[in-house]
N, C-alpha and C. Protein backbone atom coordinates (compact mmCIF):
# COMPACT_ATOMS: atom_id res chain seq x y z
N MET A 1 30.73 61.28 230.17
CA MET A 1 31.40 61.98 231.23
C MET A 1 31.95 63.30 230.73
N GLN A 2 32.03 64.17 231.60
CA GLN A 2 32.44 65.52 231.30
C GLN A 2 33.87 65.72 231.80
N PRO A 3 34.73 66.42 231.02
CA PRO A 3 36.09 66.66 231.50
C PRO A 3 36.05 67.49 232.77
N SER A 4 37.03 67.21 233.60
CA SER A 4 37.06 67.91 234.88
C SER A 4 37.41 69.37 234.71
N GLY A 5 36.78 70.23 235.42
CA GLY A 5 37.04 71.66 235.40
C GLY A 5 36.29 72.39 234.31
N CYS A 6 35.54 71.73 233.43
CA CYS A 6 34.79 72.39 232.36
C CYS A 6 33.32 72.41 232.73
N PRO A 7 32.70 73.55 232.63
CA PRO A 7 31.27 73.59 232.88
C PRO A 7 30.52 72.79 231.81
N ALA A 8 29.36 72.39 232.08
CA ALA A 8 28.58 71.56 231.18
C ALA A 8 28.31 72.29 229.88
N GLY A 9 28.56 71.66 228.70
CA GLY A 9 28.28 72.21 227.38
C GLY A 9 29.42 73.02 226.78
N GLN A 10 30.43 73.43 227.58
CA GLN A 10 31.53 74.27 227.06
C GLN A 10 32.51 73.43 226.24
N ALA A 11 32.77 72.19 226.57
CA ALA A 11 33.73 71.35 225.87
C ALA A 11 33.27 71.10 224.44
N ASN A 12 32.02 70.89 224.22
CA ASN A 12 31.52 70.62 222.88
C ASN A 12 31.51 71.87 222.02
N SER A 13 31.35 73.06 222.57
CA SER A 13 31.28 74.29 221.78
C SER A 13 32.66 74.78 221.32
N GLU A 14 33.77 74.33 221.90
CA GLU A 14 35.12 74.78 221.54
C GLU A 14 35.86 73.76 220.69
N ARG A 15 35.22 72.73 220.22
CA ARG A 15 35.89 71.67 219.48
C ARG A 15 36.46 72.16 218.15
N GLY A 16 35.81 73.01 217.35
CA GLY A 16 36.25 73.43 216.03
C GLY A 16 37.08 74.70 216.02
N VAL A 17 37.35 75.29 217.18
CA VAL A 17 38.09 76.54 217.25
C VAL A 17 39.52 76.36 216.75
N SER A 18 40.18 75.29 217.11
CA SER A 18 41.57 75.08 216.69
C SER A 18 41.64 74.91 215.17
N LEU A 19 40.64 74.28 214.56
CA LEU A 19 40.62 74.13 213.11
C LEU A 19 40.47 75.49 212.43
N ILE A 20 39.63 76.36 212.96
CA ILE A 20 39.43 77.70 212.40
C ILE A 20 40.70 78.54 212.56
N ILE A 21 41.37 78.45 213.68
CA ILE A 21 42.61 79.20 213.91
C ILE A 21 43.69 78.74 212.94
N ILE A 22 43.82 77.44 212.76
CA ILE A 22 44.82 76.90 211.82
C ILE A 22 44.49 77.36 210.40
N PHE A 23 43.20 77.33 210.03
CA PHE A 23 42.80 77.79 208.70
C PHE A 23 43.15 79.26 208.50
N LEU A 24 42.91 80.12 209.49
CA LEU A 24 43.26 81.53 209.39
C LEU A 24 44.76 81.74 209.28
N ILE A 25 45.54 80.98 210.06
CA ILE A 25 47.01 81.08 209.99
C ILE A 25 47.51 80.65 208.61
N MET A 26 46.95 79.57 208.08
CA MET A 26 47.36 79.10 206.75
C MET A 26 46.98 80.12 205.66
N THR A 27 45.83 80.77 205.81
CA THR A 27 45.41 81.79 204.85
C THR A 27 46.36 82.98 204.86
N VAL A 28 46.75 83.42 206.04
CA VAL A 28 47.69 84.53 206.16
C VAL A 28 49.05 84.14 205.57
N MET A 29 49.51 82.94 205.86
CA MET A 29 50.80 82.48 205.32
C MET A 29 50.76 82.39 203.79
N MET A 30 49.65 81.90 203.25
CA MET A 30 49.52 81.80 201.80
C MET A 30 49.50 83.19 201.16
N ALA A 31 48.84 84.15 201.78
CA ALA A 31 48.80 85.52 201.26
C ALA A 31 50.20 86.14 201.27
N VAL A 32 50.97 85.90 202.32
CA VAL A 32 52.34 86.42 202.39
C VAL A 32 53.21 85.79 201.30
N VAL A 33 53.11 84.48 201.13
CA VAL A 33 53.91 83.79 200.12
C VAL A 33 53.54 84.28 198.72
N LEU A 34 52.26 84.44 198.42
CA LEU A 34 51.84 84.94 197.12
C LEU A 34 52.31 86.37 196.88
N SER A 35 52.26 87.20 197.90
CA SER A 35 52.73 88.58 197.77
C SER A 35 54.21 88.63 197.45
N ILE A 36 54.99 87.85 198.17
CA ILE A 36 56.43 87.80 197.92
C ILE A 36 56.71 87.25 196.52
N SER A 37 55.95 86.24 196.10
CA SER A 37 56.14 85.67 194.76
C SER A 37 55.86 86.71 193.68
N LEU A 38 54.81 87.49 193.83
CA LEU A 38 54.51 88.52 192.84
C LEU A 38 55.60 89.58 192.78
N ILE A 39 56.11 89.98 193.92
CA ILE A 39 57.19 90.97 193.96
C ILE A 39 58.43 90.42 193.28
N LEU A 40 58.80 89.18 193.59
CA LEU A 40 59.99 88.58 192.98
C LEU A 40 59.81 88.39 191.48
N PHE A 41 58.61 88.01 191.05
CA PHE A 41 58.35 87.83 189.62
C PHE A 41 58.55 89.15 188.88
N ASP A 42 58.03 90.25 189.43
CA ASP A 42 58.21 91.56 188.80
C ASP A 42 59.68 91.96 188.78
N GLU A 43 60.40 91.66 189.84
CA GLU A 43 61.84 92.00 189.88
C GLU A 43 62.62 91.22 188.84
N VAL A 44 62.27 89.95 188.64
CA VAL A 44 62.95 89.15 187.63
C VAL A 44 62.68 89.71 186.24
N LYS A 45 61.46 90.15 185.97
CA LYS A 45 61.15 90.78 184.69
C LYS A 45 61.95 92.05 184.49
N ILE A 46 62.08 92.86 185.53
CA ILE A 46 62.84 94.10 185.44
C ILE A 46 64.31 93.81 185.18
N ILE A 47 64.85 92.84 185.88
CA ILE A 47 66.27 92.50 185.71
C ILE A 47 66.53 91.96 184.31
N SER A 48 65.64 91.12 183.78
CA SER A 48 65.86 90.63 182.42
C SER A 48 65.72 91.77 181.41
N GLY A 49 64.84 92.73 181.68
CA GLY A 49 64.72 93.90 180.81
C GLY A 49 65.98 94.74 180.82
N ILE A 50 66.65 94.83 181.96
CA ILE A 50 67.91 95.57 182.04
C ILE A 50 68.97 94.89 181.18
N GLY A 51 69.02 93.57 181.24
CA GLY A 51 69.98 92.84 180.40
C GLY A 51 69.72 93.06 178.92
N ASN A 52 68.45 93.01 178.53
CA ASN A 52 68.09 93.25 177.14
C ASN A 52 68.41 94.69 176.73
N SER A 53 68.25 95.61 177.66
CA SER A 53 68.58 97.01 177.38
C SER A 53 70.07 97.18 177.12
N VAL A 54 70.88 96.46 177.87
CA VAL A 54 72.34 96.52 177.67
C VAL A 54 72.70 95.98 176.29
N PHE A 55 72.08 94.85 175.89
CA PHE A 55 72.34 94.31 174.56
C PHE A 55 71.92 95.31 173.48
N SER A 56 70.79 95.99 173.68
CA SER A 56 70.33 97.00 172.71
C SER A 56 71.33 98.14 172.62
N PHE A 57 71.83 98.57 173.76
CA PHE A 57 72.83 99.66 173.77
C PHE A 57 74.09 99.23 173.05
N TYR A 58 74.54 97.98 173.26
CA TYR A 58 75.73 97.51 172.56
C TYR A 58 75.48 97.38 171.06
N ALA A 59 74.25 97.08 170.66
CA ALA A 59 73.93 97.05 169.23
C ALA A 59 74.09 98.45 168.64
N VAL A 60 73.63 99.47 169.37
CA VAL A 60 73.78 100.85 168.93
C VAL A 60 75.26 101.20 168.81
N ASP A 61 76.02 100.86 169.82
CA ASP A 61 77.45 101.15 169.82
C ASP A 61 78.15 100.44 168.66
N THR A 62 77.76 99.21 168.39
CA THR A 62 78.34 98.47 167.28
C THR A 62 78.05 99.16 165.96
N GLY A 63 76.83 99.65 165.80
CA GLY A 63 76.49 100.37 164.57
C GLY A 63 77.32 101.62 164.37
N ILE A 64 77.53 102.36 165.44
CA ILE A 64 78.36 103.57 165.35
C ILE A 64 79.80 103.21 165.00
N GLU A 65 80.35 102.24 165.69
CA GLU A 65 81.74 101.85 165.44
C GLU A 65 81.91 101.29 164.04
N LYS A 66 80.94 100.52 163.57
CA LYS A 66 81.05 99.96 162.22
C LYS A 66 81.05 101.08 161.18
N THR A 67 80.18 102.06 161.36
CA THR A 67 80.11 103.17 160.41
C THR A 67 81.41 103.97 160.44
N LEU A 68 81.94 104.23 161.63
CA LEU A 68 83.22 104.96 161.72
C LEU A 68 84.35 104.16 161.09
N TYR A 69 84.33 102.84 161.27
CA TYR A 69 85.36 101.99 160.66
C TYR A 69 85.32 102.11 159.14
N PHE A 70 84.13 101.95 158.57
CA PHE A 70 84.02 102.04 157.11
C PHE A 70 84.36 103.43 156.62
N ASP A 71 84.02 104.47 157.39
CA ASP A 71 84.32 105.83 156.95
C ASP A 71 85.82 106.09 156.93
N ARG A 72 86.53 105.56 157.90
CA ARG A 72 87.96 105.88 158.02
C ARG A 72 88.89 104.86 157.38
N LYS A 73 88.48 103.59 157.32
CA LYS A 73 89.40 102.54 156.87
C LYS A 73 89.12 102.02 155.47
N ILE A 74 87.87 102.05 155.04
CA ILE A 74 87.53 101.50 153.73
C ILE A 74 87.30 102.67 152.77
N VAL A 75 88.37 103.34 152.40
CA VAL A 75 88.30 104.53 151.55
C VAL A 75 88.83 104.16 150.16
N GLU A 76 88.06 104.48 149.13
CA GLU A 76 88.50 104.26 147.75
C GLU A 76 89.64 105.23 147.45
N PRO A 77 90.56 104.88 146.58
CA PRO A 77 91.72 105.76 146.30
C PRO A 77 91.34 107.17 145.84
N GLN A 78 90.26 107.33 145.12
CA GLN A 78 89.89 108.65 144.62
C GLN A 78 89.10 109.48 145.63
N ASP A 79 88.71 108.91 146.78
CA ASP A 79 87.86 109.60 147.76
C ASP A 79 88.65 110.05 148.98
N THR A 80 88.06 111.01 149.73
CA THR A 80 88.69 111.48 150.96
C THR A 80 88.15 110.76 152.18
N ARG A 81 87.03 110.07 152.04
CA ARG A 81 86.46 109.30 153.15
C ARG A 81 85.63 108.15 152.58
N GLY A 82 85.35 107.18 153.42
CA GLY A 82 84.65 105.98 152.94
C GLY A 82 83.17 105.93 153.20
N LEU A 83 82.63 106.94 153.85
CA LEU A 83 81.22 106.89 154.24
C LEU A 83 80.29 106.77 153.05
N CYS A 84 80.54 107.53 151.98
CA CYS A 84 79.65 107.48 150.83
C CYS A 84 79.79 106.19 150.03
N ASN A 85 80.85 105.43 150.27
CA ASN A 85 81.03 104.14 149.59
C ASN A 85 80.66 102.96 150.49
N ILE A 86 80.05 103.26 151.63
CA ILE A 86 79.80 102.20 152.60
C ILE A 86 78.87 101.12 152.04
N CYS A 87 77.93 101.50 151.20
CA CYS A 87 76.97 100.51 150.69
C CYS A 87 77.66 99.49 149.79
N SER A 88 78.60 99.92 148.98
CA SER A 88 79.30 98.96 148.13
C SER A 88 80.31 98.15 148.95
N SER A 89 80.85 98.75 150.00
CA SER A 89 81.87 98.05 150.80
C SER A 89 81.27 97.09 151.81
N CYS A 90 80.25 97.51 152.55
CA CYS A 90 79.76 96.64 153.62
C CYS A 90 78.76 95.61 153.10
N ASN A 91 78.38 95.68 151.83
CA ASN A 91 77.57 94.62 151.25
C ASN A 91 78.44 93.49 150.73
N ASP A 92 79.74 93.63 150.87
CA ASP A 92 80.68 92.61 150.42
C ASP A 92 81.03 91.70 151.60
N PRO A 93 80.55 90.46 151.62
CA PRO A 93 80.82 89.56 152.75
C PRO A 93 82.30 89.24 152.94
N SER A 94 83.15 89.47 151.91
CA SER A 94 84.57 89.19 152.10
C SER A 94 85.23 90.22 153.01
N ILE A 95 84.67 91.46 153.08
CA ILE A 95 85.21 92.49 153.97
C ILE A 95 84.70 92.28 155.39
N ASP A 96 83.40 92.05 155.52
CA ASP A 96 82.77 91.88 156.84
C ASP A 96 81.78 90.73 156.74
N PRO A 97 82.25 89.47 156.85
CA PRO A 97 81.38 88.32 156.56
C PRO A 97 80.23 88.14 157.54
N VAL A 98 80.37 88.60 158.76
CA VAL A 98 79.32 88.36 159.76
C VAL A 98 78.34 89.52 159.83
N HIS A 99 78.84 90.74 159.79
CA HIS A 99 77.99 91.91 160.04
C HIS A 99 77.83 92.78 158.79
N TYR A 100 77.53 92.18 157.68
CA TYR A 100 77.38 93.01 156.50
C TYR A 100 76.07 93.80 156.56
N CYS A 101 75.91 94.74 155.65
CA CYS A 101 74.76 95.67 155.66
C CYS A 101 73.57 95.09 154.92
N ASN A 102 72.39 95.42 155.41
CA ASN A 102 71.14 95.10 154.73
C ASN A 102 70.49 96.40 154.30
N SER A 103 69.88 96.40 153.16
CA SER A 103 69.12 97.54 152.62
C SER A 103 69.86 98.87 152.80
N CYS A 104 71.06 98.93 152.28
CA CYS A 104 71.88 100.13 152.38
C CYS A 104 71.55 101.08 151.23
N THR A 105 71.33 102.35 151.59
CA THR A 105 71.05 103.37 150.57
C THR A 105 71.88 104.62 150.85
N VAL A 106 72.36 105.25 149.79
CA VAL A 106 73.07 106.53 149.87
C VAL A 106 72.22 107.55 149.13
N THR A 107 71.88 108.64 149.83
CA THR A 107 71.01 109.66 149.26
C THR A 107 71.72 111.01 149.26
N PRO A 108 71.93 111.60 148.08
CA PRO A 108 72.51 112.95 148.04
C PRO A 108 71.50 113.95 148.59
N LEU A 109 71.97 114.88 149.41
CA LEU A 109 71.10 115.91 149.97
C LEU A 109 71.06 117.17 149.10
N GLU A 110 72.02 117.29 148.20
CA GLU A 110 72.07 118.39 147.24
C GLU A 110 72.46 117.82 145.89
N VAL A 111 72.51 118.67 144.89
CA VAL A 111 72.77 118.22 143.53
C VAL A 111 74.10 117.48 143.42
N ASP A 112 75.17 118.02 143.97
CA ASP A 112 76.48 117.39 143.88
C ASP A 112 76.84 116.63 145.16
N GLY A 113 75.86 116.25 145.93
CA GLY A 113 76.14 115.54 147.18
C GLY A 113 76.70 114.15 146.93
N CYS A 114 77.38 113.63 147.91
CA CYS A 114 77.97 112.28 147.87
C CYS A 114 79.07 112.17 146.84
N GLY A 115 79.80 113.22 146.59
CA GLY A 115 80.93 113.16 145.67
C GLY A 115 82.16 112.60 146.38
N SER A 116 83.33 112.93 145.88
CA SER A 116 84.56 112.39 146.47
C SER A 116 84.82 112.94 147.87
N THR A 117 84.28 114.12 148.18
CA THR A 117 84.45 114.65 149.54
C THR A 117 83.37 114.15 150.48
N CYS A 118 82.33 113.55 149.93
CA CYS A 118 81.24 112.96 150.71
C CYS A 118 80.54 114.00 151.58
N ASN A 119 80.25 115.16 151.02
CA ASN A 119 79.45 116.18 151.70
C ASN A 119 78.01 116.11 151.18
N ASN A 120 77.09 116.64 151.97
CA ASN A 120 75.68 116.70 151.58
C ASN A 120 75.13 115.32 151.21
N CYS A 121 75.29 114.39 152.12
CA CYS A 121 74.96 113.01 151.83
C CYS A 121 74.31 112.34 153.04
N ARG A 122 73.40 111.39 152.80
CA ARG A 122 72.81 110.62 153.89
C ARG A 122 72.91 109.13 153.57
N ILE A 123 73.35 108.35 154.55
CA ILE A 123 73.52 106.92 154.39
C ILE A 123 72.60 106.23 155.39
N ASP A 124 71.81 105.27 154.93
CA ASP A 124 70.93 104.48 155.79
C ASP A 124 71.21 103.01 155.53
N TYR A 125 71.38 102.24 156.59
CA TYR A 125 71.52 100.79 156.44
C TYR A 125 71.14 100.09 157.74
N GLU A 126 70.94 98.80 157.65
CA GLU A 126 70.62 97.96 158.80
C GLU A 126 71.59 96.80 158.84
N SER A 127 71.78 96.26 160.03
CA SER A 127 72.63 95.10 160.18
C SER A 127 72.10 94.25 161.33
N VAL A 128 72.36 92.95 161.26
CA VAL A 128 71.87 92.01 162.27
C VAL A 128 73.04 91.18 162.75
N PHE A 129 73.12 90.97 164.06
CA PHE A 129 74.12 90.06 164.61
C PHE A 129 73.67 89.56 165.97
N ALA A 130 73.92 88.31 166.26
CA ALA A 130 73.68 87.70 167.58
C ALA A 130 72.29 88.00 168.13
N GLY A 131 71.28 87.95 167.29
CA GLY A 131 69.93 88.16 167.76
C GLY A 131 69.52 89.60 167.95
N SER A 132 70.42 90.53 167.73
CA SER A 132 70.07 91.94 167.85
C SER A 132 70.31 92.61 166.50
N ASN A 133 69.63 93.71 166.28
CA ASN A 133 69.87 94.42 165.04
C ASN A 133 69.95 95.91 165.32
N TYR A 134 70.53 96.62 164.36
CA TYR A 134 70.63 98.06 164.50
C TYR A 134 70.40 98.69 163.14
N SER A 135 69.89 99.90 163.18
CA SER A 135 69.71 100.66 161.94
C SER A 135 70.45 101.98 162.10
N ILE A 136 71.12 102.37 161.04
CA ILE A 136 71.96 103.56 161.04
C ILE A 136 71.40 104.56 160.04
N SER A 137 71.38 105.81 160.43
CA SER A 137 71.14 106.91 159.50
C SER A 137 72.21 107.95 159.80
N ALA A 138 73.17 108.07 158.90
CA ALA A 138 74.28 109.00 159.09
C ALA A 138 74.18 110.10 158.03
N THR A 139 74.28 111.36 158.46
CA THR A 139 74.18 112.50 157.56
C THR A 139 75.46 113.31 157.63
N VAL A 140 76.01 113.62 156.46
CA VAL A 140 77.18 114.49 156.37
C VAL A 140 76.68 115.82 155.83
N PRO A 141 76.63 116.88 156.67
CA PRO A 141 76.16 118.18 156.18
C PRO A 141 77.21 118.83 155.28
N SER A 142 76.80 119.86 154.58
CA SER A 142 77.71 120.53 153.66
C SER A 142 78.82 121.26 154.40
N LEU A 143 79.98 121.33 153.75
CA LEU A 143 81.16 122.04 154.26
C LEU A 143 81.61 121.57 155.63
N ASP A 144 81.34 120.33 155.95
CA ASP A 144 81.72 119.81 157.26
C ASP A 144 82.09 118.35 157.10
N LEU A 145 83.24 117.97 157.56
CA LEU A 145 83.63 116.56 157.45
C LEU A 145 83.10 115.72 158.60
N ASP A 146 82.51 116.33 159.60
CA ASP A 146 81.86 115.56 160.65
C ASP A 146 80.47 115.17 160.18
N PHE A 147 79.85 114.24 160.89
CA PHE A 147 78.51 113.86 160.48
C PHE A 147 77.64 113.57 161.69
N ASN A 148 76.34 113.48 161.42
CA ASN A 148 75.34 113.24 162.46
C ASN A 148 74.86 111.80 162.36
N PHE A 149 74.68 111.17 163.52
CA PHE A 149 74.20 109.80 163.58
C PHE A 149 72.82 109.75 164.21
N ASP A 150 71.96 108.94 163.68
CA ASP A 150 70.74 108.47 164.33
C ASP A 150 70.84 106.96 164.31
N VAL A 151 71.05 106.36 165.46
CA VAL A 151 71.27 104.92 165.53
C VAL A 151 70.23 104.32 166.47
N LYS A 152 69.62 103.22 166.02
CA LYS A 152 68.64 102.53 166.84
C LYS A 152 69.05 101.07 166.94
N GLY A 153 69.15 100.55 168.17
CA GLY A 153 69.47 99.15 168.40
C GLY A 153 68.29 98.44 169.02
N ILE A 154 68.03 97.21 168.57
CA ILE A 154 66.89 96.43 169.06
C ILE A 154 67.38 95.05 169.46
N TYR A 155 66.97 94.62 170.66
CA TYR A 155 67.25 93.26 171.12
C TYR A 155 66.05 92.79 171.93
N LYS A 156 65.42 91.72 171.48
CA LYS A 156 64.26 91.13 172.17
C LYS A 156 63.22 92.18 172.55
N GLU A 157 62.81 92.95 171.59
CA GLU A 157 61.76 93.96 171.74
C GLU A 157 62.14 95.14 172.65
N VAL A 158 63.42 95.26 173.01
CA VAL A 158 63.88 96.42 173.76
C VAL A 158 64.68 97.29 172.79
N THR A 159 64.32 98.56 172.70
CA THR A 159 64.93 99.48 171.75
C THR A 159 65.69 100.58 172.47
N ARG A 160 66.87 100.87 172.00
CA ARG A 160 67.67 102.00 172.49
C ARG A 160 68.05 102.83 171.28
N LYS A 161 68.07 104.13 171.45
CA LYS A 161 68.39 105.02 170.35
C LYS A 161 69.40 106.07 170.83
N ILE A 162 70.37 106.35 169.97
CA ILE A 162 71.37 107.37 170.26
C ILE A 162 71.44 108.32 169.07
N GLN A 163 71.51 109.60 169.37
CA GLN A 163 71.73 110.61 168.34
C GLN A 163 73.05 111.31 168.66
N LEU A 164 73.94 111.32 167.69
CA LEU A 164 75.23 111.99 167.84
C LEU A 164 75.32 113.11 166.82
N LYS A 165 75.84 114.24 167.25
CA LYS A 165 76.02 115.36 166.34
C LYS A 165 77.45 115.83 166.41
């Protein structure tokens, strides 16, 4: 028997239309969900990168502050500043047990560099703390008690660098 109101043969030809419409709707919904997921995944990566960038910046700041601390506070009695003695001081775990220096070198830039006035001198060292590390290169030019910093902080493959003059 044929349903009432349907011409002959039309009922059988429309049987799979609802299945095709549902399949198309599900495909569109899946495409929207995947698009949103990709956008959110990229945003989460960006946000975690921002957090790592902040840690890198704080590593740089820590390196600067540590160098300034040693320059101003850890001064030998015969010297006018502590920067040129930083390698002997910050390699001592009793002074700074957590953040001591690694591979610290003091290089005179001239014949009498790195004397008691600590002019014409370059200091390079690295330090590691809380999963981040920083490397310092501080230069004291001649006839000037100020110095130049090149500081690089690294945390989880994110690097920040600051140059101070």
